[in-house]
Each structure stands twice: as C-alpha cells, then as structure tokens.
N, C-alpha and C. Protein backbone atom coordinates (compact mmCIF):
# COMPACT_ATOMS: atom_id res chain seq x y z
N MET A 1 0.86 -1.26 0.06
CA MET A 1 -0.05 -0.05 0.07
C MET A 1 0.89 1.25 0.10
N GLN A 2 0.60 2.19 -0.85
CA GLN A 2 1.35 3.37 -1.04
C GLN A 2 1.06 4.26 0.26
N PRO A 3 2.05 5.20 0.47
CA PRO A 3 1.81 6.03 1.67
C PRO A 3 0.53 6.93 1.63
N ASP A 4 0.25 7.44 0.36
CA ASP A 4 -0.91 8.24 0.38
C ASP A 4 -2.32 7.38 0.49
N GLU A 5 -2.23 6.28 -0.06
CA GLU A 5 -3.37 5.24 0.18
C GLU A 5 -3.55 4.90 1.68
N GLN A 6 -2.35 4.59 2.28
CA GLN A 6 -2.43 4.28 3.67
C GLN A 6 -2.98 5.40 4.46
N ARG A 7 -2.48 6.63 4.14
CA ARG A 7 -3.04 7.91 4.90
C ARG A 7 -4.45 7.97 4.65
N GLU A 8 -4.91 7.78 3.53
CA GLU A 8 -6.41 7.95 3.12
C GLU A 8 -7.26 6.90 3.94
N ALA A 9 -6.72 5.66 3.95
CA ALA A 9 -7.28 4.59 4.50
C ALA A 9 -7.38 4.88 6.20
N ILE A 10 -6.39 5.35 6.74
CA ILE A 10 -6.43 5.87 8.20
C ILE A 10 -7.51 6.99 8.45
N GLU A 11 -7.48 7.98 7.56
CA GLU A 11 -8.39 9.08 7.59
C GLU A 11 -9.90 8.48 7.50
N ARG A 12 -10.17 7.65 6.52
CA ARG A 12 -11.43 7.08 6.51
C ARG A 12 -11.81 6.29 7.78
N THR A 13 -10.96 5.57 8.36
CA THR A 13 -11.26 4.80 9.51
C THR A 13 -11.55 5.77 10.65
N ARG A 14 -10.63 6.81 10.73
CA ARG A 14 -10.94 7.70 11.91
C ARG A 14 -12.29 8.46 11.73
N PHE A 15 -12.58 8.78 10.56
CA PHE A 15 -13.84 9.51 10.27
C PHE A 15 -14.99 8.54 10.61
N PHE A 16 -14.96 7.30 10.19
CA PHE A 16 -15.96 6.38 10.63
C PHE A 16 -16.02 6.12 12.03
N LEU A 17 -14.91 5.91 12.72
CA LEU A 17 -15.00 5.55 14.11
C LEU A 17 -15.53 6.80 14.92
N ARG A 18 -15.09 8.01 14.56
CA ARG A 18 -15.53 9.22 15.23
C ARG A 18 -17.09 9.30 15.26
N ASN A 19 -17.57 9.08 14.01
CA ASN A 19 -19.07 9.15 13.88
C ASN A 19 -19.72 7.86 14.54
N PHE A 20 -19.07 6.84 14.35
CA PHE A 20 -19.65 5.54 15.04
C PHE A 20 -19.73 5.83 16.54
N LEU A 21 -18.66 6.33 17.19
CA LEU A 21 -18.68 6.56 18.64
C LEU A 21 -19.83 7.54 18.91
N LYS A 22 -20.07 8.64 18.21
CA LYS A 22 -21.18 9.45 18.43
C LYS A 22 -22.47 8.68 18.33
N GLY A 23 -22.63 7.85 17.38
CA GLY A 23 -23.84 6.91 17.40
C GLY A 23 -23.97 5.99 18.57
N VAL A 24 -22.89 5.47 19.07
CA VAL A 24 -23.01 4.63 20.32
C VAL A 24 -23.52 5.46 21.49
N ILE A 25 -22.78 6.62 21.59
CA ILE A 25 -23.27 7.49 22.70
C ILE A 25 -24.76 7.90 22.60
N TRP A 26 -25.13 8.26 21.39
CA TRP A 26 -26.42 8.71 21.13
C TRP A 26 -27.42 7.55 21.50
N LEU A 27 -27.19 6.26 21.06
CA LEU A 27 -28.00 5.24 21.30
C LEU A 27 -27.98 5.00 22.82
N ALA A 28 -26.90 5.07 23.52
CA ALA A 28 -26.91 4.81 24.93
C ALA A 28 -27.62 5.86 25.68
N VAL A 29 -27.69 7.15 25.22
CA VAL A 29 -28.46 8.19 25.88
C VAL A 29 -29.95 7.98 25.66
N ILE A 30 -30.25 7.71 24.48
CA ILE A 30 -31.78 7.49 24.13
C ILE A 30 -32.19 6.29 24.86
N VAL A 31 -31.69 5.13 24.71
CA VAL A 31 -32.11 3.84 25.16
C VAL A 31 -32.04 3.83 26.72
N GLY A 32 -30.91 4.29 27.27
CA GLY A 32 -30.69 4.34 28.68
C GLY A 32 -31.65 5.32 29.34
N GLY A 33 -31.84 6.44 28.56
CA GLY A 33 -32.59 7.37 29.30
C GLY A 33 -34.03 6.93 29.18
N TYR A 34 -34.46 6.42 28.19
CA TYR A 34 -35.88 5.86 28.04
C TYR A 34 -36.25 4.83 29.16
N PHE A 35 -35.34 3.82 29.23
CA PHE A 35 -35.56 2.66 30.21
C PHE A 35 -35.31 3.23 31.58
N TYR A 36 -34.44 4.18 31.88
CA TYR A 36 -34.41 4.79 33.18
C TYR A 36 -35.66 5.56 33.55
N LEU A 37 -36.24 6.27 32.58
CA LEU A 37 -37.57 7.01 32.98
C LEU A 37 -38.65 6.00 33.15
N LYS A 38 -38.68 4.90 32.36
CA LYS A 38 -39.73 3.98 32.46
C LYS A 38 -39.49 3.26 33.80
N ALA A 39 -38.39 2.90 34.20
CA ALA A 39 -38.26 2.13 35.42
C ALA A 39 -38.49 3.05 36.71
N ASN A 40 -38.09 4.32 36.57
CA ASN A 40 -38.20 5.15 37.76
C ASN A 40 -39.40 6.17 37.83
N TYR A 41 -39.88 6.50 36.73
CA TYR A 41 -41.00 7.54 36.72
C TYR A 41 -42.23 7.08 35.91
N ASN A 42 -42.36 5.77 35.72
CA ASN A 42 -43.42 5.23 35.02
C ASN A 42 -43.68 5.81 33.59
N PHE A 43 -42.61 6.30 32.99
CA PHE A 43 -42.61 6.87 31.56
C PHE A 43 -42.84 5.88 30.59
N THR A 44 -43.76 5.98 29.71
CA THR A 44 -43.94 4.91 28.68
C THR A 44 -44.10 5.62 27.26
N MET A 45 -43.81 4.91 26.24
CA MET A 45 -43.96 5.44 24.92
C MET A 45 -45.55 5.72 24.67
N GLN A 46 -46.34 4.83 25.24
CA GLN A 46 -47.85 5.03 25.14
C GLN A 46 -48.22 6.24 25.68
N GLY A 47 -47.70 6.63 26.91
CA GLY A 47 -48.07 7.79 27.57
C GLY A 47 -47.52 9.07 26.77
N LEU A 48 -46.48 8.91 26.16
CA LEU A 48 -45.88 10.03 25.30
C LEU A 48 -46.73 10.32 24.01
N LEU A 49 -46.95 9.18 23.43
CA LEU A 49 -47.66 9.28 22.04
C LEU A 49 -49.22 9.34 22.17
N GLY A 50 -49.78 8.96 23.28
CA GLY A 50 -51.18 9.09 23.41
C GLY A 50 -51.82 8.28 22.48
N PRO A 51 -52.91 8.81 21.64
CA PRO A 51 -53.76 7.97 20.79
C PRO A 51 -52.89 7.58 19.51
N LEU A 52 -51.76 8.29 19.27
CA LEU A 52 -50.97 7.82 18.08
C LEU A 52 -50.35 6.34 18.32
N TYR A 53 -50.14 5.98 19.59
CA TYR A 53 -49.45 4.80 19.96
C TYR A 53 -49.96 3.63 19.29
N ASP A 54 -51.28 3.41 19.26
CA ASP A 54 -51.80 2.21 18.47
C ASP A 54 -52.20 2.59 17.06
N GLN A 55 -51.51 3.44 16.46
CA GLN A 55 -51.81 3.80 15.03
C GLN A 55 -50.49 3.58 14.20
N PRO A 56 -50.28 2.23 13.97
CA PRO A 56 -48.92 1.99 13.23
C PRO A 56 -48.78 2.68 11.89
N ALA A 57 -49.94 2.79 11.14
CA ALA A 57 -49.80 3.50 9.82
C ALA A 57 -49.34 4.96 9.95
N LEU A 58 -49.91 5.54 11.10
CA LEU A 58 -49.50 6.97 11.33
C LEU A 58 -48.15 7.12 11.86
N ILE A 59 -47.63 6.11 12.71
CA ILE A 59 -46.42 6.17 13.21
C ILE A 59 -45.40 6.04 12.08
N PHE A 60 -45.63 5.11 11.10
CA PHE A 60 -44.80 4.76 10.01
C PHE A 60 -44.86 5.99 9.06
N SER A 61 -46.00 6.66 8.97
CA SER A 61 -46.00 7.95 8.14
C SER A 61 -45.09 9.06 8.71
N ILE A 62 -45.14 9.16 10.04
CA ILE A 62 -44.35 10.17 10.71
C ILE A 62 -42.84 9.84 10.50
N PHE A 63 -42.52 8.58 10.67
CA PHE A 63 -41.09 8.14 10.42
C PHE A 63 -40.74 8.32 9.06
N PHE A 64 -41.50 8.16 8.07
CA PHE A 64 -41.13 8.38 6.74
C PHE A 64 -40.94 9.97 6.46
N ALA A 65 -41.74 10.83 7.03
CA ALA A 65 -41.58 12.19 6.88
C ALA A 65 -40.24 12.66 7.52
N SER A 66 -40.06 12.08 8.73
CA SER A 66 -38.76 12.37 9.48
C SER A 66 -37.48 12.01 8.82
N GLU A 67 -37.57 10.82 8.22
CA GLU A 67 -36.40 10.23 7.57
C GLU A 67 -36.18 11.00 6.20
N THR A 68 -37.12 11.40 5.48
CA THR A 68 -37.02 12.19 4.30
C THR A 68 -36.53 13.53 4.54
N ILE A 69 -36.97 14.17 5.71
CA ILE A 69 -36.58 15.57 6.10
C ILE A 69 -35.48 15.38 6.99
N PHE A 70 -34.31 14.79 6.63
CA PHE A 70 -33.05 14.82 7.44
C PHE A 70 -33.11 14.13 8.74
N GLY A 71 -34.08 13.21 8.95
CA GLY A 71 -33.96 12.35 10.14
C GLY A 71 -34.21 13.27 11.37
N ILE A 72 -35.15 14.19 11.38
CA ILE A 72 -35.25 14.99 12.49
C ILE A 72 -35.76 14.28 13.86
N ILE A 73 -36.33 13.06 13.69
CA ILE A 73 -36.62 12.27 14.98
C ILE A 73 -35.75 11.07 14.81
N PRO A 74 -34.99 10.98 16.00
CA PRO A 74 -34.03 9.73 15.84
C PRO A 74 -34.86 8.34 15.61
N PRO A 75 -34.29 7.53 14.71
CA PRO A 75 -34.94 6.29 14.34
C PRO A 75 -34.92 5.31 15.69
N GLU A 76 -34.08 5.50 16.61
CA GLU A 76 -34.06 4.69 17.82
C GLU A 76 -35.44 4.91 18.62
N LEU A 77 -36.00 6.06 18.56
CA LEU A 77 -37.22 6.25 19.24
C LEU A 77 -38.35 5.42 18.59
N PHE A 78 -38.28 5.26 17.36
CA PHE A 78 -39.25 4.49 16.61
C PHE A 78 -39.06 2.95 16.87
N MET A 79 -37.75 2.58 17.04
CA MET A 79 -37.45 1.26 17.35
C MET A 79 -38.04 0.89 18.77
N ILE A 80 -37.95 1.91 19.65
CA ILE A 80 -38.56 1.69 20.95
C ILE A 80 -40.05 1.54 20.95
N TRP A 81 -40.60 2.39 20.07
CA TRP A 81 -42.10 2.25 19.88
C TRP A 81 -42.37 0.83 19.33
N ALA A 82 -41.53 0.28 18.53
CA ALA A 82 -41.88 -1.05 17.88
C ALA A 82 -41.90 -2.14 18.93
N LEU A 83 -41.40 -1.89 20.13
CA LEU A 83 -41.56 -2.86 21.19
C LEU A 83 -42.97 -3.02 21.81
N ARG A 84 -43.85 -2.30 21.31
CA ARG A 84 -45.14 -1.99 22.00
C ARG A 84 -45.80 -3.38 22.38
N ASN A 85 -45.84 -4.39 21.50
CA ASN A 85 -46.45 -5.64 21.79
C ASN A 85 -45.52 -6.62 22.65
N GLU A 86 -44.28 -6.32 22.63
CA GLU A 86 -43.37 -7.23 23.26
C GLU A 86 -43.27 -8.58 22.69
N LEU A 87 -43.69 -8.73 21.47
CA LEU A 87 -43.50 -10.00 20.78
C LEU A 87 -42.54 -9.87 19.80
N LEU A 88 -41.51 -10.85 19.86
CA LEU A 88 -40.42 -10.73 18.99
C LEU A 88 -40.64 -10.64 17.58
N SER A 89 -41.63 -11.51 17.07
CA SER A 89 -42.05 -11.52 15.64
C SER A 89 -42.55 -10.25 15.24
N GLN A 90 -43.41 -9.60 15.99
CA GLN A 90 -43.85 -8.26 15.61
C GLN A 90 -42.87 -7.17 15.69
N TYR A 91 -42.08 -7.30 16.69
CA TYR A 91 -40.94 -6.36 16.78
C TYR A 91 -40.08 -6.39 15.57
N ILE A 92 -39.78 -7.62 14.99
CA ILE A 92 -38.90 -7.81 13.86
C ILE A 92 -39.55 -7.24 12.63
N LEU A 93 -41.03 -7.56 12.47
CA LEU A 93 -41.62 -6.88 11.33
C LEU A 93 -41.61 -5.42 11.39
N ASN A 94 -41.88 -4.82 12.55
CA ASN A 94 -41.93 -3.49 12.77
C ASN A 94 -40.52 -2.79 12.23
N VAL A 95 -39.53 -3.33 12.77
CA VAL A 95 -38.16 -2.96 12.55
C VAL A 95 -37.84 -3.12 11.14
N ILE A 96 -38.14 -4.17 10.44
CA ILE A 96 -38.01 -4.34 9.06
C ILE A 96 -38.74 -3.21 8.22
N GLY A 97 -39.91 -2.95 8.63
CA GLY A 97 -40.64 -1.78 8.10
C GLY A 97 -40.05 -0.58 8.16
N LEU A 98 -39.50 -0.17 9.40
CA LEU A 98 -38.74 1.08 9.58
C LEU A 98 -37.39 1.07 8.79
N ALA A 99 -36.79 0.01 8.71
CA ALA A 99 -35.54 -0.03 7.84
C ALA A 99 -35.87 0.17 6.41
N VAL A 100 -36.83 -0.51 5.90
CA VAL A 100 -37.30 -0.30 4.49
C VAL A 100 -37.64 1.14 4.18
N ILE A 101 -38.40 1.74 5.05
CA ILE A 101 -38.82 3.17 4.98
C ILE A 101 -37.62 4.03 4.98
N SER A 102 -36.64 3.79 5.87
CA SER A 102 -35.37 4.57 5.85
C SER A 102 -34.69 4.55 4.59
N TYR A 103 -34.50 3.43 4.06
CA TYR A 103 -33.75 2.99 2.84
C TYR A 103 -34.49 3.74 1.69
N MET A 104 -35.78 3.65 1.71
CA MET A 104 -36.62 4.39 0.64
C MET A 104 -36.57 5.80 0.66
N SER A 105 -36.45 6.31 1.99
CA SER A 105 -36.19 7.88 2.19
C SER A 105 -34.90 8.24 1.58
N GLY A 106 -33.88 7.44 1.71
CA GLY A 106 -32.57 7.72 1.07
C GLY A 106 -32.73 7.70 -0.33
N ILE A 107 -33.45 6.87 -1.02
CA ILE A 107 -33.56 6.90 -2.48
C ILE A 107 -34.31 8.13 -2.79
N ILE A 108 -35.31 8.48 -2.20
CA ILE A 108 -36.10 9.70 -2.37
C ILE A 108 -35.05 10.99 -2.28
N GLY A 109 -34.13 10.88 -1.30
CA GLY A 109 -33.19 11.91 -1.06
C GLY A 109 -32.32 12.06 -2.30
N TYR A 110 -31.84 10.93 -2.81
CA TYR A 110 -31.02 10.96 -3.95
C TYR A 110 -31.74 11.52 -5.14
N TYR A 111 -33.07 11.21 -5.32
CA TYR A 111 -33.91 11.71 -6.36
C TYR A 111 -34.05 13.18 -6.27
N ILE A 112 -34.29 13.62 -5.07
CA ILE A 112 -34.46 15.04 -4.86
C ILE A 112 -33.19 15.85 -5.23
N GLY A 113 -32.05 15.25 -4.74
CA GLY A 113 -30.74 15.83 -5.07
C GLY A 113 -30.49 15.91 -6.55
N SER A 114 -30.74 14.78 -7.29
CA SER A 114 -30.56 14.63 -8.69
C SER A 114 -31.35 15.47 -9.52
N HIS A 115 -32.57 15.79 -9.26
CA HIS A 115 -33.67 16.39 -9.94
C HIS A 115 -33.93 17.90 -9.47
N PHE A 116 -33.70 18.23 -8.40
CA PHE A 116 -34.01 19.51 -7.86
C PHE A 116 -32.81 20.36 -7.35
N SER A 117 -31.61 19.96 -7.82
CA SER A 117 -30.45 20.69 -7.33
C SER A 117 -30.41 22.01 -7.88
N THR A 118 -31.13 22.36 -8.79
CA THR A 118 -30.95 23.78 -9.44
C THR A 118 -31.93 24.79 -8.85
N THR A 119 -32.82 24.33 -7.98
CA THR A 119 -33.93 25.08 -7.46
C THR A 119 -33.26 26.01 -6.31
N GLN A 120 -34.01 27.06 -6.12
CA GLN A 120 -33.54 28.03 -5.02
C GLN A 120 -33.72 27.25 -3.69
N LEU A 121 -34.78 26.56 -3.42
CA LEU A 121 -34.87 25.81 -2.09
C LEU A 121 -33.67 24.88 -1.92
N TYR A 122 -33.27 24.06 -2.97
CA TYR A 122 -32.24 23.19 -2.75
C TYR A 122 -30.83 23.93 -2.49
N ARG A 123 -30.68 25.17 -3.15
CA ARG A 123 -29.56 25.89 -2.89
C ARG A 123 -29.45 26.46 -1.53
N THR A 124 -30.60 26.79 -0.94
CA THR A 124 -30.68 27.23 0.39
C THR A 124 -30.31 26.09 1.27
N LEU A 125 -30.94 24.86 1.05
CA LEU A 125 -30.62 23.73 1.88
C LEU A 125 -29.03 23.46 1.85
N GLN A 126 -28.48 23.56 0.59
CA GLN A 126 -27.05 23.27 0.48
C GLN A 126 -26.25 24.21 1.25
N LYS A 127 -26.58 25.60 1.08
CA LYS A 127 -25.84 26.64 1.77
C LYS A 127 -25.93 26.51 3.30
N ASN A 128 -27.03 26.14 3.75
CA ASN A 128 -27.20 26.13 5.38
C ASN A 128 -27.05 24.88 5.96
N TYR A 129 -27.13 23.76 5.08
CA TYR A 129 -27.05 22.34 5.67
C TYR A 129 -26.21 21.40 5.08
N LEU A 130 -26.27 21.29 3.78
CA LEU A 130 -25.52 20.26 3.09
C LEU A 130 -24.09 20.59 2.83
N GLY A 131 -23.86 21.86 2.72
CA GLY A 131 -22.53 22.36 2.40
C GLY A 131 -21.48 21.79 3.17
N LYS A 132 -21.75 21.62 4.41
CA LYS A 132 -20.70 21.16 5.42
C LYS A 132 -20.33 19.68 5.12
N PHE A 133 -21.12 19.03 4.43
CA PHE A 133 -20.83 17.57 4.10
C PHE A 133 -20.19 17.38 2.73
N GLU A 134 -20.17 18.48 1.95
CA GLU A 134 -19.52 18.36 0.56
C GLU A 134 -17.95 18.11 0.74
N LYS A 135 -17.46 18.75 1.81
CA LYS A 135 -15.86 18.58 2.00
C LYS A 135 -15.64 16.97 2.32
N HIS A 136 -16.67 16.36 3.05
CA HIS A 136 -16.50 14.99 3.34
C HIS A 136 -16.65 14.15 2.25
N PHE A 137 -17.56 14.56 1.30
CA PHE A 137 -17.77 13.81 0.04
C PHE A 137 -16.60 13.85 -0.92
N ASN A 138 -15.89 15.09 -0.97
CA ASN A 138 -14.70 15.33 -1.76
C ASN A 138 -13.52 14.49 -1.17
N ARG A 139 -13.56 14.18 0.10
CA ARG A 139 -12.55 13.41 0.70
C ARG A 139 -12.79 11.81 0.64
N PHE A 140 -14.04 11.53 0.91
CA PHE A 140 -14.41 10.13 1.13
C PHE A 140 -15.22 9.53 -0.08
N GLY A 141 -15.72 10.37 -0.88
CA GLY A 141 -16.63 9.72 -2.00
C GLY A 141 -17.76 8.90 -1.37
N GLY A 142 -18.03 7.85 -2.11
CA GLY A 142 -19.26 6.92 -1.76
C GLY A 142 -19.04 6.40 -0.36
N PHE A 143 -17.86 6.34 0.17
CA PHE A 143 -17.77 5.83 1.65
C PHE A 143 -18.64 6.64 2.51
N LEU A 144 -18.87 7.96 2.26
CA LEU A 144 -19.76 8.91 3.09
C LEU A 144 -21.07 8.17 3.17
N VAL A 145 -21.62 7.57 2.10
CA VAL A 145 -22.97 6.98 2.16
C VAL A 145 -23.03 5.84 3.28
N ILE A 146 -21.97 5.07 3.22
CA ILE A 146 -21.94 3.97 4.27
C ILE A 146 -21.77 4.56 5.87
N VAL A 147 -20.87 5.61 5.87
CA VAL A 147 -20.83 6.15 7.22
C VAL A 147 -22.13 6.79 7.63
N ALA A 148 -22.93 7.44 6.68
CA ALA A 148 -24.25 8.04 7.08
C ALA A 148 -25.21 7.02 7.35
N ALA A 149 -25.01 5.80 6.57
CA ALA A 149 -26.06 4.84 6.88
C ALA A 149 -25.87 4.12 8.25
N LEU A 150 -24.74 4.17 8.76
CA LEU A 150 -24.39 3.39 10.01
C LEU A 150 -24.27 4.36 11.18
N THR A 151 -24.23 5.74 11.02
CA THR A 151 -23.94 6.63 12.11
C THR A 151 -25.00 7.65 12.15
N PRO A 152 -24.90 8.64 13.05
CA PRO A 152 -25.91 9.68 13.16
C PRO A 152 -25.73 10.77 12.05
N LEU A 153 -24.84 10.71 11.20
CA LEU A 153 -24.81 11.61 10.04
C LEU A 153 -26.13 11.48 9.39
N PRO A 154 -26.62 12.71 8.83
CA PRO A 154 -28.07 12.65 8.28
C PRO A 154 -28.04 11.89 6.92
N PHE A 155 -28.58 10.69 7.01
CA PHE A 155 -28.55 9.78 5.84
C PHE A 155 -29.39 10.40 4.70
N SER A 156 -30.48 10.92 4.88
CA SER A 156 -31.19 11.57 3.73
C SER A 156 -30.46 12.71 3.21
N GLY A 157 -29.81 13.56 4.01
CA GLY A 157 -29.03 14.73 3.54
C GLY A 157 -27.81 14.21 2.61
N ILE A 158 -27.21 13.21 3.18
CA ILE A 158 -26.00 12.72 2.37
C ILE A 158 -26.57 12.05 1.11
N CYS A 159 -27.69 11.35 1.16
CA CYS A 159 -28.28 10.96 -0.06
C CYS A 159 -28.66 11.98 -1.17
N MET A 160 -29.10 12.98 -0.66
CA MET A 160 -29.43 14.22 -1.54
C MET A 160 -28.14 14.76 -2.14
N LEU A 161 -27.17 14.87 -1.35
CA LEU A 161 -25.73 15.25 -1.76
C LEU A 161 -25.31 14.32 -2.89
N MET A 162 -25.50 12.94 -2.78
CA MET A 162 -25.03 11.99 -3.85
C MET A 162 -25.79 12.14 -5.00
N GLY A 163 -27.08 12.54 -4.98
CA GLY A 163 -27.82 12.73 -6.12
C GLY A 163 -27.40 14.03 -6.88
N THR A 164 -27.04 15.04 -6.05
CA THR A 164 -26.69 16.24 -6.70
C THR A 164 -25.40 16.09 -7.52
N VAL A 165 -24.45 15.25 -7.03
CA VAL A 165 -23.20 15.13 -7.78
C VAL A 165 -23.38 13.92 -8.80
N LYS A 166 -24.57 13.43 -8.87
CA LYS A 166 -24.86 12.32 -9.83
C LYS A 166 -23.89 11.15 -9.58
N TYR A 167 -23.74 10.85 -8.36
CA TYR A 167 -23.00 9.57 -7.90
C TYR A 167 -23.54 8.39 -8.51
N PRO A 168 -22.91 7.44 -9.07
CA PRO A 168 -23.45 6.34 -9.72
C PRO A 168 -24.60 5.63 -9.00
N TYR A 169 -25.68 5.47 -9.58
CA TYR A 169 -26.97 5.18 -8.84
C TYR A 169 -26.76 3.63 -8.28
N ARG A 170 -26.36 2.85 -9.09
CA ARG A 170 -26.29 1.38 -8.62
C ARG A 170 -25.30 1.28 -7.41
N ARG A 171 -24.22 2.01 -7.45
CA ARG A 171 -23.31 1.97 -6.44
C ARG A 171 -23.86 2.57 -5.11
N PHE A 172 -24.68 3.67 -5.23
CA PHE A 172 -25.44 4.44 -4.18
C PHE A 172 -26.25 3.31 -3.50
N LEU A 173 -27.14 2.65 -4.36
CA LEU A 173 -28.03 1.80 -3.83
C LEU A 173 -27.34 0.54 -3.00
N LEU A 174 -26.25 0.08 -3.57
CA LEU A 174 -25.46 -0.93 -2.90
C LEU A 174 -24.99 -0.30 -1.53
N PHE A 175 -24.32 0.78 -1.50
CA PHE A 175 -23.74 1.26 -0.29
C PHE A 175 -24.93 1.63 0.64
N SER A 176 -26.04 2.01 0.28
CA SER A 176 -27.06 2.43 1.12
C SER A 176 -27.69 1.21 1.73
N LEU A 177 -27.54 -0.06 1.26
CA LEU A 177 -28.05 -1.19 1.99
C LEU A 177 -27.41 -1.36 3.40
N THR A 178 -26.27 -0.63 3.63
CA THR A 178 -25.70 -0.83 4.98
C THR A 178 -26.60 -0.29 6.01
N ARG A 179 -27.57 0.59 5.57
CA ARG A 179 -28.70 1.24 6.51
C ARG A 179 -29.27 -0.01 7.22
N PHE A 180 -29.53 -1.07 6.68
CA PHE A 180 -30.23 -2.13 7.23
C PHE A 180 -29.46 -2.72 8.40
N LEU A 181 -28.11 -2.69 8.11
CA LEU A 181 -27.21 -3.27 9.21
C LEU A 181 -27.49 -2.42 10.54
N ARG A 182 -27.43 -1.07 10.36
CA ARG A 182 -27.66 -0.24 11.58
C ARG A 182 -28.91 -0.64 12.27
N PHE A 183 -30.04 -0.88 11.46
CA PHE A 183 -31.36 -1.12 12.09
C PHE A 183 -31.23 -2.54 12.79
N ILE A 184 -30.61 -3.44 12.14
CA ILE A 184 -30.51 -4.83 12.77
C ILE A 184 -29.72 -4.75 14.15
N VAL A 185 -28.66 -3.99 14.18
CA VAL A 185 -27.77 -3.99 15.29
C VAL A 185 -28.48 -3.13 16.44
N TYR A 186 -28.99 -1.88 16.11
CA TYR A 186 -29.68 -1.25 17.08
C TYR A 186 -30.89 -1.89 17.59
N ALA A 187 -31.61 -2.40 16.79
CA ALA A 187 -32.92 -3.13 17.15
C ALA A 187 -32.53 -4.33 18.20
N ALA A 188 -31.58 -4.99 17.87
CA ALA A 188 -31.10 -6.01 18.80
C ALA A 188 -30.75 -5.60 20.11
N ILE A 189 -30.02 -4.40 20.11
CA ILE A 189 -29.61 -3.80 21.46
C ILE A 189 -30.82 -3.43 22.22
N ILE A 190 -31.73 -2.72 21.54
CA ILE A 190 -32.97 -2.23 22.12
C ILE A 190 -33.78 -3.47 22.68
N TRP A 191 -33.89 -4.45 21.91
CA TRP A 191 -34.68 -5.59 22.40
C TRP A 191 -34.03 -6.21 23.64
N GLU A 192 -32.75 -6.49 23.57
CA GLU A 192 -32.05 -6.95 24.85
C GLU A 192 -32.22 -5.95 26.01
N ALA A 193 -32.06 -4.66 25.75
CA ALA A 193 -32.20 -3.79 27.01
C ALA A 193 -33.59 -3.89 27.51
N ASN A 194 -34.62 -4.00 26.50
CA ASN A 194 -36.00 -4.23 27.16
C ASN A 194 -36.10 -5.50 27.99
N ILE A 195 -35.49 -6.54 27.50
CA ILE A 195 -35.59 -7.81 28.19
C ILE A 195 -34.92 -7.65 29.61
N LEU A 196 -33.61 -6.91 29.65
CA LEU A 196 -32.98 -6.87 30.81
C LEU A 196 -33.60 -5.79 31.91
N GLN A 197 -34.42 -4.97 31.30
CA GLN A 197 -34.94 -3.99 32.16
C GLN A 197 -36.06 -4.54 33.13
C-alpha cells in the first residue's frame, strides 16, 4: 500500500470511528434514558404518544416524513415504539418496516438531489445544511454513504448530496444497503435492553 493510500485509509477509519462513537453515545443516551425514565418515573412510549401509539400506519408515516426531512426524529425512538407488543415476531416486522422506509427515504433523497439541485430551495438547503458535508464527500466519496447509513450523520441529506453530484446510482443503492445493518444492530440492542430492564 502506498503512503498516500495508507493515509487515506487511516483518515477514512478515523472518520468512521468518530461518527460511530457518536452513534453509540447517542444510542446509549436514548435507550438508557428511556428505560431509566420507564423504571423510575413510569414513563412509557404509550403515555408520550397518546392516541398515536396504537396507530402503526400513522407512526410509519411520521417516520417516513422524518427520515425524508433529514431524520429530525431519531430512528431509535421508533424502534423503542416497535417494542409495544413485546412479541419478537411483531418487533422484527416493525423494525424491518422502519428499515425499508429509511432506505426508501434515502432513495427519495437521492432523487431530490439529482432532480431539484438547481432550485432555490435546494440551494438554500445546500448553503445552510448540506454544504458542510461536501468536503467529506470530496475526501471520502461513496464511503460517506456507508458512514451516514451506520452513524448519526444525516442519511437523507447525504443521499441528496449524492444525487446532486450524480454519484453512480447502482453503487449508491448498494452502499445504502448498509442502512439495514444499523437497524439490525440497534434493534437487537434495544430488544435486549428491554428484556434486561
């Protein structure tokens, strides 16, 4: 391996690990906080969501909107909601549904980036939000999609950026599949935390 290639590999690894660590901390805060409040203050997702709690179609719609609009609500909260029946089979189906929605939201983000990048709205988004991720794209290319799929980086926003630069669509779809890995691992952790609680 050439020195430049080695340096680039080290930078990629550091970038991933830095963002992965943020994700682990974020997961610990959300899951730990939820189960702490549940155990000590009788806090429940049902109490928080009220009549929305038993409306899966509405919850999935809210998740779709959130994931399409830069993931404004952490997916971990929706995975906690998915525990509602405490049946493993139902939990798995709910998490698969959430993962598919997240993946599809990324594809929509790519489409928005590739078709609406010349609009004033998109230029405003780019200036105020996406611009800070362009330097990462210039350094890491498609690896940025993998990092965004697995960490708290805004997956939908990164997907928009990929669409804007016309990143190869098939490669984008392939790299985006790592989003499912995040949902599998996080869902398993949340399920186990619920059992231990």
